[in-house]
Amino acid sequence: MDPSPTVQQSDHDSDALYSIRGLTKVYGEGPSAVHALRGVDLELPKSAMVVLLGASGSGKSTFLNIIGGLDDATAGQVFFEGTELTALGPSQLTEYRRNSVSFVFQFYNLVASLTARENVALITEIAENPMTPQEALEMVGLGNRLDHFPSQLSGGEQQRVAIARAIAKRPKVMLCDEPTGALDSQTGVKVLEALDLVNRELGTTTLLITHNVVIADMADRLLRFADGTLVEDRANPDRVAPAELKW
């Protein structure tokens, strides 16, 4: 059982979902140490669609992993709804991930022997207040593919099953790492439309890593990373629908 750490409450803007101060991550020691994040300061509001850009090794994925509770910070603080994540023990972080956060990755990680409905049910059976698998799959446009196996679905459809599985527990946050990276543009748009709908309909704060600069046009906010630092933080006054993105 974890010791009970002293958990600090943030005095930042109460409308912020995340408040991040001096976030630093260093892998290794001495001359070979890799500085993945170098003192990132940031406030992220509730219900925002946020796109993260930057070259490989710029710190995007490390940032996502730390705020998602998958990795520890070397220094700095991350507050979620006012509670300091960086002061929590392993079991408390597990609870945070289980109740508040869902992940979508480039590769779908579906169970090949289970149907779309059954893949989503893996989450709904352990969540506190889930959608039904059918509700989640209908939300991403797969209401007619409930009983298809992954091998019977296209890459884009498999990714939408992964999104349905992620949203079924009604998370407060969706963290998406290159969700369209393995897809062509037409298929990628369908996946982005599913993420856009979830963000708008459920108010799920969505952070999306991509190498495709165009995708930033569908976001409320653009964050650009370089060499472990946040070099651009820009609001988007007018979100563009995914189908209108100029690939």
Protein backbone atom coordinates (compact mmCIF):
# COMPACT_ATOMS: atom_id res chain seq x y z
CA MET A 1 0.00 0.00 0.00
CA ASP A 2 1.28 3.47 -0.88
CA PRO A 3 2.32 5.82 1.88
CA SER A 4 0.01 8.80 1.98
CA PRO A 5 2.00 11.66 0.47
CA THR A 6 1.22 15.24 1.24
CA VAL A 7 -0.73 16.33 -1.83
CA GLN A 8 -0.59 20.02 -2.57
CA GLN A 9 -3.59 21.84 -4.01
CA SER A 10 -3.02 24.26 -6.86
CA ASP A 11 -3.86 27.93 -6.41
CA HIS A 12 -4.02 28.42 -10.17
CA ASP A 13 -7.10 29.22 -12.25
CA SER A 14 -9.96 26.96 -11.16
CA ASP A 15 -11.05 26.63 -14.81
CA ALA A 16 -7.78 24.89 -15.66
CA LEU A 17 -7.89 21.13 -15.95
CA TYR A 18 -4.09 20.91 -15.82
CA SER A 19 -1.66 23.39 -14.25
CA ILE A 20 1.95 22.55 -15.04
CA ARG A 21 4.95 24.24 -13.44
CA GLY A 22 8.60 23.74 -14.34
CA LEU A 23 8.01 20.23 -15.72
CA THR A 24 11.38 18.55 -16.26
CA LYS A 25 12.34 15.04 -17.31
CA VAL A 26 15.89 13.74 -17.55
CA TYR A 27 16.74 10.19 -18.60
CA GLY A 28 20.09 8.89 -17.39
CA GLU A 29 22.92 10.76 -15.66
CA GLY A 30 26.13 12.60 -16.42
CA PRO A 31 27.30 13.47 -19.93
CA SER A 32 24.99 10.90 -21.52
CA ALA A 33 21.84 12.25 -19.81
CA VAL A 34 18.93 13.03 -22.12
CA HIS A 35 16.90 16.13 -21.21
CA ALA A 36 13.48 15.24 -22.60
CA LEU A 37 11.66 18.17 -20.95
CA ARG A 38 13.31 21.37 -19.75
CA GLY A 39 11.00 23.28 -17.40
CA VAL A 40 7.63 23.42 -19.18
CA ASP A 41 5.01 25.82 -17.75
CA LEU A 42 1.45 25.52 -19.01
CA GLU A 43 -2.24 25.81 -18.16
CA LEU A 44 -4.73 23.65 -20.06
CA PRO A 45 -8.47 24.37 -19.83
CA LYS A 46 -11.31 21.90 -19.55
CA SER A 47 -12.97 20.58 -22.72
CA ALA A 48 -10.25 21.87 -25.09
CA MET A 49 -8.97 20.19 -28.24
CA VAL A 50 -5.19 20.62 -28.13
CA VAL A 51 -2.72 19.57 -30.86
CA LEU A 52 0.95 19.00 -30.01
CA LEU A 53 3.54 19.44 -32.77
CA GLY A 54 7.29 18.98 -32.87
CA ALA A 55 10.03 16.82 -34.32
CA SER A 56 10.81 13.36 -32.99
CA GLY A 57 12.60 13.75 -29.67
CA SER A 58 11.16 17.19 -28.98
CA GLY A 59 9.42 16.05 -25.77
CA LYS A 60 5.81 15.63 -26.93
CA SER A 61 5.35 12.00 -25.96
CA THR A 62 7.23 12.42 -22.69
CA PHE A 63 4.92 15.32 -21.82
CA LEU A 64 1.84 13.23 -22.63
CA ASN A 65 3.12 10.25 -20.64
CA ILE A 66 3.77 12.36 -17.54
CA ILE A 67 0.41 14.13 -17.49
CA GLY A 68 -1.23 10.76 -18.21
CA GLY A 69 0.40 9.21 -15.16
CA LEU A 70 2.50 6.74 -17.18
CA ASP A 71 5.88 8.33 -16.37
CA ASP A 72 7.39 10.29 -13.48
CA ALA A 73 8.75 13.82 -13.67
CA THR A 74 12.34 14.49 -12.64
CA ALA A 75 11.31 17.92 -11.33
CA GLY A 76 8.36 20.30 -11.46
CA GLN A 77 4.68 19.85 -10.66
CA VAL A 78 1.58 18.71 -12.52
CA PHE A 79 -1.82 19.55 -11.04
CA PHE A 80 -5.02 17.90 -12.30
CA GLU A 81 -8.23 19.61 -11.15
CA GLY A 82 -6.14 21.18 -8.40
CA THR A 83 -4.56 17.97 -7.09
CA GLU A 84 -0.83 17.45 -7.54
CA LEU A 85 -0.29 14.35 -9.68
CA THR A 86 3.46 14.55 -9.19
CA ALA A 87 2.98 13.88 -5.45
CA LEU A 88 0.85 10.75 -5.86
CA GLY A 89 1.99 7.18 -5.22
CA PRO A 90 1.64 4.32 -7.74
CA SER A 91 -1.79 3.10 -6.62
CA GLN A 92 -3.17 6.65 -6.61
CA LEU A 93 -1.85 7.20 -10.14
CA THR A 94 -3.47 3.93 -11.20
CA GLU A 95 -6.77 5.23 -9.82
CA TYR A 96 -6.29 8.52 -11.72
CA ARG A 97 -5.64 6.67 -14.99
CA ARG A 98 -8.57 4.30 -14.44
CA ASN A 99 -11.12 6.98 -13.63
CA SER A 100 -10.05 10.07 -15.58
CA VAL A 101 -7.78 9.30 -18.55
CA SER A 102 -7.96 7.28 -21.75
CA PHE A 103 -5.18 6.69 -24.28
CA VAL A 104 -5.24 6.24 -28.05
CA PHE A 105 -2.03 5.24 -29.80
CA GLN A 106 -0.89 4.88 -33.40
CA PHE A 107 -1.37 1.11 -33.21
CA TYR A 108 -4.83 -0.03 -32.26
CA ASN A 109 -4.01 -2.78 -29.72
CA LEU A 110 -7.29 -4.59 -30.33
CA VAL A 111 -7.73 -8.22 -29.27
CA ALA A 112 -7.90 -10.15 -32.55
CA SER A 113 -10.17 -12.89 -31.19
CA LEU A 114 -12.81 -10.43 -29.93
CA THR A 115 -15.44 -8.52 -31.92
CA ALA A 116 -15.60 -4.73 -31.91
CA ARG A 117 -18.33 -4.91 -29.27
CA GLU A 118 -16.28 -7.29 -27.11
CA ASN A 119 -13.13 -5.17 -27.43
CA VAL A 120 -15.04 -2.16 -26.08
CA ALA A 121 -16.64 -4.29 -23.36
CA LEU A 122 -13.16 -4.93 -21.92
CA ILE A 123 -13.38 -1.36 -20.60
CA THR A 124 -17.11 -1.05 -19.91
CA GLU A 125 -17.05 -4.09 -17.63
CA ILE A 126 -14.59 -2.43 -15.22
CA ALA A 127 -15.58 1.27 -15.51
CA GLU A 128 -17.70 3.06 -12.91
CA ASN A 129 -20.27 4.75 -15.16
CA PRO A 130 -19.68 3.50 -18.68
CA MET A 131 -21.55 3.81 -21.93
CA THR A 132 -22.68 0.52 -23.43
CA PRO A 133 -20.31 -0.81 -26.09
CA GLN A 134 -23.02 -0.18 -28.68
CA GLU A 135 -23.37 3.48 -27.61
CA ALA A 136 -19.63 4.04 -27.84
CA LEU A 137 -19.32 2.35 -31.23
CA GLU A 138 -22.30 4.25 -32.61
CA MET A 139 -20.69 7.49 -31.52
CA VAL A 140 -17.67 6.79 -33.73
CA GLY A 141 -19.82 5.69 -36.67
CA LEU A 142 -19.48 1.92 -36.26
CA GLY A 143 -22.97 0.98 -35.12
CA ASN A 144 -23.20 -1.40 -38.08
CA ARG A 145 -19.88 -3.15 -37.31
CA LEU A 146 -20.53 -4.29 -33.73
CA ASP A 147 -19.94 -7.98 -34.34
CA HIS A 148 -17.04 -7.71 -36.77
CA PHE A 149 -13.58 -8.93 -35.78
CA PRO A 150 -10.53 -6.66 -36.24
CA SER A 151 -9.46 -8.71 -39.30
CA GLN A 152 -12.79 -7.76 -40.93
CA LEU A 153 -12.25 -4.03 -40.35
CA SER A 154 -10.10 -1.49 -42.18
CA GLY A 155 -7.25 0.28 -40.39
CA GLY A 156 -9.39 3.38 -39.87
CA GLU A 157 -12.28 1.31 -38.52
CA GLN A 158 -9.95 -0.48 -36.12
CA GLN A 159 -8.67 2.88 -34.88
CA ARG A 160 -12.26 4.02 -34.35
CA VAL A 161 -12.92 0.88 -32.31
CA ALA A 162 -9.89 1.86 -30.21
CA ILE A 163 -11.41 5.34 -29.78
CA ALA A 164 -14.78 3.82 -28.83
CA ARG A 165 -13.01 1.68 -26.24
CA ALA A 166 -11.25 4.78 -24.91
CA ILE A 167 -14.39 6.92 -24.62
CA ALA A 168 -16.66 4.19 -23.24
CA LYS A 169 -15.65 4.94 -19.64
CA ARG A 170 -16.50 8.65 -20.16
CA PRO A 171 -12.97 9.93 -19.41
CA LYS A 172 -12.26 13.55 -18.60
CA VAL A 173 -9.12 13.40 -20.76
CA MET A 174 -8.15 11.66 -24.01
CA LEU A 175 -4.43 11.48 -24.76
CA CYS A 176 -3.77 10.55 -28.38
CA ASP A 177 -0.26 9.80 -29.67
CA GLU A 178 -0.16 9.84 -33.50
CA PRO A 179 -3.65 8.31 -33.88
CA THR A 180 -3.61 8.90 -37.66
CA GLY A 181 0.09 8.14 -38.18
CA ALA A 182 -0.51 4.78 -39.88
CA LEU A 183 -3.47 5.93 -41.98
CA ASP A 184 -3.95 7.60 -45.35
CA SER A 185 -5.48 11.08 -45.41
CA GLN A 186 -9.05 10.01 -46.23
CA THR A 187 -9.09 7.39 -43.49
CA GLY A 188 -7.32 9.75 -41.10
CA VAL A 189 -10.08 12.33 -41.53
CA LYS A 190 -12.68 9.79 -40.36
CA VAL A 191 -10.62 9.12 -37.23
CA LEU A 192 -10.21 12.85 -36.60
CA GLU A 193 -13.97 13.34 -37.05
CA ALA A 194 -14.57 10.75 -34.32
CA LEU A 195 -12.16 12.54 -31.96
CA ASP A 196 -13.71 15.91 -32.82
CA LEU A 197 -17.22 14.62 -32.09
CA VAL A 198 -16.16 13.15 -28.74
CA ASN A 199 -14.54 16.45 -27.78
CA ARG A 200 -17.60 18.51 -28.75
CA GLU A 201 -20.34 16.16 -27.53
CA LEU A 202 -18.79 14.84 -24.32
CA GLY A 203 -16.57 17.82 -23.49
CA THR A 204 -13.59 15.48 -23.23
CA THR A 205 -10.32 17.40 -23.06
CA THR A 206 -8.29 15.95 -25.93
CA LEU A 207 -4.53 16.22 -26.46
CA LEU A 208 -3.39 14.92 -29.83
CA ILE A 209 0.23 14.44 -30.91
CA THR A 210 0.85 14.58 -34.65
CA HIS A 211 3.60 15.30 -37.17
CA ASN A 212 0.96 16.64 -39.58
CA VAL A 213 0.88 20.43 -39.15
CA VAL A 214 -2.47 20.64 -40.95
CA ILE A 215 -4.26 18.86 -38.11
CA ALA A 216 -3.55 21.83 -35.82
CA ASP A 217 -6.29 23.73 -37.68
CA MET A 218 -8.98 21.58 -36.02
CA ALA A 219 -7.78 22.42 -32.51
CA ASP A 220 -8.59 25.14 -29.99
CA ARG A 221 -4.92 25.30 -29.10
CA LEU A 222 -1.56 24.53 -30.68
CA LEU A 223 1.47 23.55 -28.59
CA ARG A 224 4.81 23.23 -30.38
CA PHE A 225 7.76 21.51 -28.69
CA ALA A 226 11.46 21.67 -29.61
CA ASP A 227 14.41 20.22 -27.68
CA GLY A 228 12.30 19.65 -24.57
CA THR A 229 10.90 23.17 -24.38
CA LEU A 230 7.53 24.64 -25.28
CA VAL A 231 8.39 27.08 -28.06
CA GLU A 232 4.87 28.00 -29.20
CA ASP A 233 1.52 28.13 -27.40
CA ARG A 234 -1.14 29.56 -29.68
CA ALA A 235 -4.92 29.73 -29.50
CA ASN A 236 -6.91 28.96 -32.64
CA PRO A 237 -9.78 31.46 -32.98
CA ASP A 238 -11.64 29.32 -35.53
CA ARG A 239 -11.56 25.53 -35.46
CA VAL A 240 -11.74 23.88 -38.86
CA ALA A 241 -13.84 20.72 -39.29
CA PRO A 242 -11.67 17.66 -40.02
CA ALA A 243 -13.30 17.18 -43.43
CA GLU A 244 -12.19 20.70 -44.40
CA LEU A 245 -8.53 20.23 -43.53
CA LYS A 246 -6.21 20.84 -46.51
CA TRP A 247 -3.95 17.79 -46.56
